[in-house]
C-alpha atoms as a PDB file:
ATOM      1  CA  MET A   1     -13.166 -18.145 -17.738  1.00  0.00           C
ATOM      2  CA  GLY A   2     -10.032 -17.067 -15.883  1.00  0.00           C
ATOM      3  CA  ILE A   3      -8.948 -16.778 -12.303  1.00  0.00           C
ATOM      4  CA  ILE A   4      -8.681 -13.005 -12.616  1.00  0.00           C
ATOM      5  CA  LYS A   5     -12.085 -11.311 -12.510  1.00  0.00           C
ATOM      6  CA  LYS A   6     -11.283  -8.019 -10.746  1.00  0.00           C
ATOM      7  CA  ILE A   7      -8.123  -5.970 -11.076  1.00  0.00           C
ATOM      8  CA  LEU A   8      -7.186  -3.168  -8.695  1.00  0.00           C
ATOM      9  CA  LEU A   9      -4.809  -0.661 -10.221  1.00  0.00           C
ATOM     10  CA  PRO A  10      -3.426   1.883  -7.725  1.00  0.00           C
ATOM     11  CA  VAL A  11      -1.984   4.854  -9.621  1.00  0.00           C
ATOM     12  CA  ASP A  12       0.052   7.836  -8.473  1.00  0.00           C
ATOM     13  CA  GLY A  13       0.979   9.623 -11.684  1.00  0.00           C
ATOM     14  CA  SER A  14       4.535   8.231 -11.610  1.00  0.00           C
ATOM     15  CA  ASP A  15       6.579   7.134 -14.612  1.00  0.00           C
ATOM     16  CA  TYR A  16       5.265   3.603 -14.071  1.00  0.00           C
ATOM     17  CA  MET A  17       1.618   4.543 -14.574  1.00  0.00           C
ATOM     18  CA  LYS A  18       1.462   4.148 -18.370  1.00  0.00           C
ATOM     19  CA  ARG A  19       3.053   0.684 -18.227  1.00  0.00           C
ATOM     20  CA  GLU A  20       0.767  -0.326 -15.342  1.00  0.00           C
ATOM     21  CA  MET A  21      -2.210   0.817 -17.405  1.00  0.00           C
ATOM     22  CA  GLU A  22      -1.073  -1.148 -20.459  1.00  0.00           C
ATOM     23  CA  LEU A  23      -0.706  -4.333 -18.422  1.00  0.00           C
ATOM     24  CA  ALA A  24      -4.011  -3.880 -16.592  1.00  0.00           C
ATOM     25  CA  CYS A  25      -5.812  -3.365 -19.898  1.00  0.00           C
ATOM     26  CA  GLU A  26      -4.200  -6.449 -21.451  1.00  0.00           C
ATOM     27  CA  PHE A  27      -5.100  -8.567 -18.406  1.00  0.00           C
ATOM     28  CA  SER A  28      -8.620  -7.133 -18.482  1.00  0.00           C
ATOM     29  CA  LYS A  29      -9.059  -8.114 -22.131  1.00  0.00           C
ATOM     30  CA  THR A  30      -7.485 -11.550 -21.682  1.00  0.00           C
ATOM     31  CA  PHE A  31      -9.549 -12.504 -18.627  1.00  0.00           C
ATOM     32  CA  SER A  32     -12.638 -10.306 -19.227  1.00  0.00           C
ATOM     33  CA  ALA A  33     -11.830  -8.736 -15.860  1.00  0.00           C
ATOM     34  CA  ASP A  34     -13.193  -5.523 -14.381  1.00  0.00           C
ATOM     35  CA  VAL A  35     -10.642  -2.799 -13.633  1.00  0.00           C
ATOM     36  CA  THR A  36     -10.799  -0.364 -10.728  1.00  0.00           C
ATOM     37  CA  ILE A  37      -8.295   2.462 -10.954  1.00  0.00           C
ATOM     38  CA  PHE A  38      -7.564   3.690  -7.445  1.00  0.00           C
ATOM     39  CA  HIS A  39      -5.675   6.753  -6.251  1.00  0.00           C
ATOM     40  CA  VAL A  40      -4.841   7.191  -2.580  1.00  0.00           C
ATOM     41  CA  ILE A  41      -4.170  10.710  -1.386  1.00  0.00           C
ATOM     42  CA  ALA A  42      -1.516  10.559   1.334  1.00  0.00           C
ATOM     43  CA  MET A  43      -2.605  13.340   3.665  1.00  0.00           C
ATOM     44  CA  PRO A  44       0.029  15.523   5.311  1.00  0.00           C
ATOM     45  CA  MET A  45       0.215  15.647   9.080  1.00  0.00           C
ATOM     46  CA  SER A  46      -0.614  19.185  10.206  1.00  0.00           C
ATOM     47  CA  SER A  47      -1.823  20.802  13.395  1.00  0.00           C
ATOM     48  CA  GLU A  48      -3.633  23.596  11.541  1.00  0.00           C
ATOM     49  CA  VAL A  49      -7.183  22.643  10.555  1.00  0.00           C
ATOM     50  CA  GLY A  50      -7.291  25.319   7.823  1.00  0.00           C
ATOM     51  CA  GLY A  51      -4.002  24.057   6.434  1.00  0.00           C
ATOM     52  CA  ILE A  52      -5.316  20.501   6.244  1.00  0.00           C
ATOM     53  CA  LEU A  53      -8.493  21.611   4.464  1.00  0.00           C
ATOM     54  CA  ASN A  54      -6.583  23.672   1.889  1.00  0.00           C
ATOM     55  CA  ALA A  55      -4.014  20.933   1.317  1.00  0.00           C
ATOM     56  CA  SER A  56      -6.690  18.245   1.022  1.00  0.00           C
ATOM     57  CA  LYS A  57      -8.587  20.175  -1.676  1.00  0.00           C
ATOM     58  CA  GLU A  58      -5.402  20.716  -3.694  1.00  0.00           C
ATOM     59  CA  LEU A  59      -4.418  17.060  -3.289  1.00  0.00           C
ATOM     60  CA  GLU A  60      -7.925  15.942  -4.233  1.00  0.00           C
ATOM     61  CA  ASN A  61      -7.775  18.027  -7.429  1.00  0.00           C
ATOM     62  CA  ALA A  62      -4.366  16.553  -8.280  1.00  0.00           C
ATOM     63  CA  GLY A  63      -5.677  13.039  -7.546  1.00  0.00           C
ATOM     64  CA  ASN A  64      -8.672  13.560  -9.802  1.00  0.00           C
ATOM     65  CA  ALA A  65      -6.341  14.727 -12.584  1.00  0.00           C
ATOM     66  CA  ILE A  66      -4.288  11.519 -12.203  1.00  0.00           C
ATOM     67  CA  LEU A  67      -7.469   9.416 -12.338  1.00  0.00           C
ATOM     68  CA  GLU A  68      -8.663  11.265 -15.441  1.00  0.00           C
ATOM     69  CA  GLU A  69      -5.346  10.646 -17.202  1.00  0.00           C
ATOM     70  CA  ALA A  70      -5.554   6.952 -16.282  1.00  0.00           C
ATOM     71  CA  ARG A  71      -9.168   6.763 -17.472  1.00  0.00           C
ATOM     72  CA  GLN A  72      -8.196   8.197 -20.847  1.00  0.00           C
ATOM     73  CA  ILE A  73      -5.397   5.645 -21.233  1.00  0.00           C
ATOM     74  CA  ALA A  74      -7.748   2.771 -20.332  1.00  0.00           C
ATOM     75  CA  GLU A  75     -10.448   3.964 -22.708  1.00  0.00           C
ATOM     76  CA  GLY A  76      -7.799   4.144 -25.438  1.00  0.00           C
ATOM     77  CA  TYR A  77      -7.468   0.371 -24.969  1.00  0.00           C
ATOM     78  CA  GLY A  78     -11.250  -0.070 -25.035  1.00  0.00           C
ATOM     79  CA  ILE A  79     -11.546  -0.576 -21.258  1.00  0.00           C
ATOM     80  CA  LYS A  80     -14.184   1.223 -19.172  1.00  0.00           C
ATOM     81  CA  PRO A  81     -12.649   1.345 -15.682  1.00  0.00           C
ATOM     82  CA  LYS A  82     -14.230   2.243 -12.373  1.00  0.00           C
ATOM     83  CA  LEU A  83     -12.429   5.236 -10.784  1.00  0.00           C
ATOM     84  CA  GLU A  84     -11.988   5.649  -7.028  1.00  0.00           C
ATOM     85  CA  LEU A  85     -10.250   8.216  -4.846  1.00  0.00           C
ATOM     86  CA  ASP A  86      -9.454   7.770  -1.147  1.00  0.00           C
ATOM     87  CA  PHE A  87      -7.499   9.512   1.607  1.00  0.00           C
ATOM     88  CA  SER A  88      -4.847   8.064   3.928  1.00  0.00           C
ATOM     89  CA  VAL A  89      -2.581   9.291   6.679  1.00  0.00           C
ATOM     90  CA  GLY A  90       0.646   7.299   6.560  1.00  0.00           C
ATOM     91  CA  ASN A  91       1.631   4.615   4.083  1.00  0.00           C
ATOM     92  CA  PRO A  92      -1.141   4.219   1.449  1.00  0.00           C
ATOM     93  CA  GLY A  93      -0.250   0.537   1.050  1.00  0.00           C
ATOM     94  CA  MET A  94      -2.655  -0.640   3.740  1.00  0.00           C
ATOM     95  CA  ARG A  95      -5.468   1.447   2.225  1.00  0.00           C
ATOM     96  CA  ILE A  96      -4.780  -0.275  -1.121  1.00  0.00           C
ATOM     97  CA  ILE A  97      -4.967  -3.690   0.532  1.00  0.00           C
ATOM     98  CA  ARG A  98      -8.265  -2.852   2.255  1.00  0.00           C
ATOM     99  CA  LYS A  99      -9.654  -1.619  -1.064  1.00  0.00           C
ATOM    100  CA  ALA A 100      -8.588  -4.826  -2.829  1.00  0.00           C
ATOM    101  CA  GLU A 101     -10.325  -6.895  -0.149  1.00  0.00           C
ATOM    102  CA  ALA A 102     -13.485  -4.759  -0.276  1.00  0.00           C
ATOM    103  CA  GLU A 103     -13.619  -4.995  -4.089  1.00  0.00           C
ATOM    104  CA  GLY A 104     -12.876  -8.717  -4.120  1.00  0.00           C
ATOM    105  CA  ALA A 105      -9.868  -8.065  -6.364  1.00  0.00           C
ATOM    106  CA  ASN A 106      -7.981 -11.097  -7.642  1.00  0.00           C
ATOM    107  CA  LEU A 107      -5.004  -9.049  -8.837  1.00  0.00           C
ATOM    108  CA  ILE A 108      -3.290  -5.810  -7.822  1.00  0.00           C
ATOM    109  CA  ILE A 109      -0.997  -4.222 -10.407  1.00  0.00           C
ATOM    110  CA  ILE A 110       1.361  -1.668  -8.846  1.00  0.00           C
ATOM    111  CA  GLY A 111       4.541   0.182  -9.812  1.00  0.00           C
ATOM    112  CA  ALA A 112       7.831  -0.774  -8.202  1.00  0.00           C
ATOM    113  CA  LYS A 113       8.521   2.785  -7.128  1.00  0.00           C
ATOM    114  CA  GLY A 114       6.126   5.608  -6.466  1.00  0.00           C
ATOM    115  CA  LYS A 115       6.234   9.286  -7.204  1.00  0.00           C
ATOM    116  CA  ASN A 116       7.117  10.422  -3.695  1.00  0.00           C
ATOM    117  CA  ARG A 117      10.561   8.996  -2.948  1.00  0.00           C
ATOM    118  CA  PHE A 118      10.971  11.027   0.286  1.00  0.00           C
ATOM    119  CA  ARG A 119       7.742   9.589   1.733  1.00  0.00           C
ATOM    120  CA  GLU A 120       8.885   6.070   0.792  1.00  0.00           C
ATOM    121  CA  ILE A 121      12.176   6.557   2.623  1.00  0.00           C
ATOM    122  CA  LEU A 122      10.332   7.684   5.762  1.00  0.00           C
ATOM    123  CA  MET A 123       7.463   5.174   5.744  1.00  0.00           C
ATOM    124  CA  GLY A 124       8.562   2.291   3.555  1.00  0.00           C
ATOM    125  CA  SER A 125       7.639   1.377   0.039  1.00  0.00           C
ATOM    126  CA  VAL A 126       3.949   1.292  -0.799  1.00  0.00           C
ATOM    127  CA  ALA A 127       4.604  -1.603  -3.198  1.00  0.00           C
ATOM    128  CA  ASN A 128       6.506  -3.475  -0.484  1.00  0.00           C
ATOM    129  CA  THR A 129       3.587  -3.038   1.925  1.00  0.00           C
ATOM    130  CA  VAL A 130       1.147  -4.337  -0.701  1.00  0.00           C
ATOM    131  CA  VAL A 131       3.292  -7.345  -1.640  1.00  0.00           C
ATOM    132  CA  ASN A 132       3.844  -8.365   1.973  1.00  0.00           C
ATOM    133  CA  ASN A 133       0.258  -7.943   3.155  1.00  0.00           C
ATOM    134  CA  SER A 134      -2.017  -8.685   0.205  1.00  0.00           C
ATOM    135  CA  LYS A 135      -4.159 -11.819   0.133  1.00  0.00           C
ATOM    136  CA  CYS A 136      -4.436 -11.739  -3.668  1.00  0.00           C
ATOM    137  CA  LEU A 137      -1.969 -11.842  -6.542  1.00  0.00           C
ATOM    138  CA  VAL A 138       0.287  -8.797  -6.911  1.00  0.00           C
ATOM    139  CA  LEU A 139       2.091  -7.850 -10.113  1.00  0.00           C
ATOM    140  CA  ILE A 140       4.986  -5.431  -9.634  1.00  0.00           C
ATOM    141  CA  VAL A 141       5.671  -3.273 -12.681  1.00  0.00           C
ATOM    142  CA  ARG A 142       9.101  -1.986 -13.538  1.00  0.00           C
ATOM    143  CA  THR A 143       9.889   0.245 -16.475  1.00  0.00           C
ATOM    144  CA  CYS A 144      11.976  -1.241 -19.249  1.00  0.00           C
ATOM    145  CA  ASP A 145      14.767   1.326 -19.593  1.00  0.00           C
END
């Protein structure tokens, strides 16, 4: 019986995702923990309602593709994750924290850098937001180059 029972794994399709998945699956096996793979769609700010609807459908399709890729990786390790998709305007970090609290997650595993570097420059790092505001353990994943 370990201290980690629920793992939240925010994914964005970045280069870090495979390594994040590997670690989440190893932690899941070690602690018999449930894994929720979570993708937050950062919605663009737009004044055109039609533009928002079109963009949101395209982003939702892309988000579902990222979740499917993550699911396949997890199942390759013998893990059956829960998949969740959500929408956010602004930095997705706070949405990740709220999700972790709602799920009762004991651990968040997140990449050091996300896929959208421009958004991070404007709004701050998602990982930084999670580390500085989370009430549970946070594991930051870096690639080993």
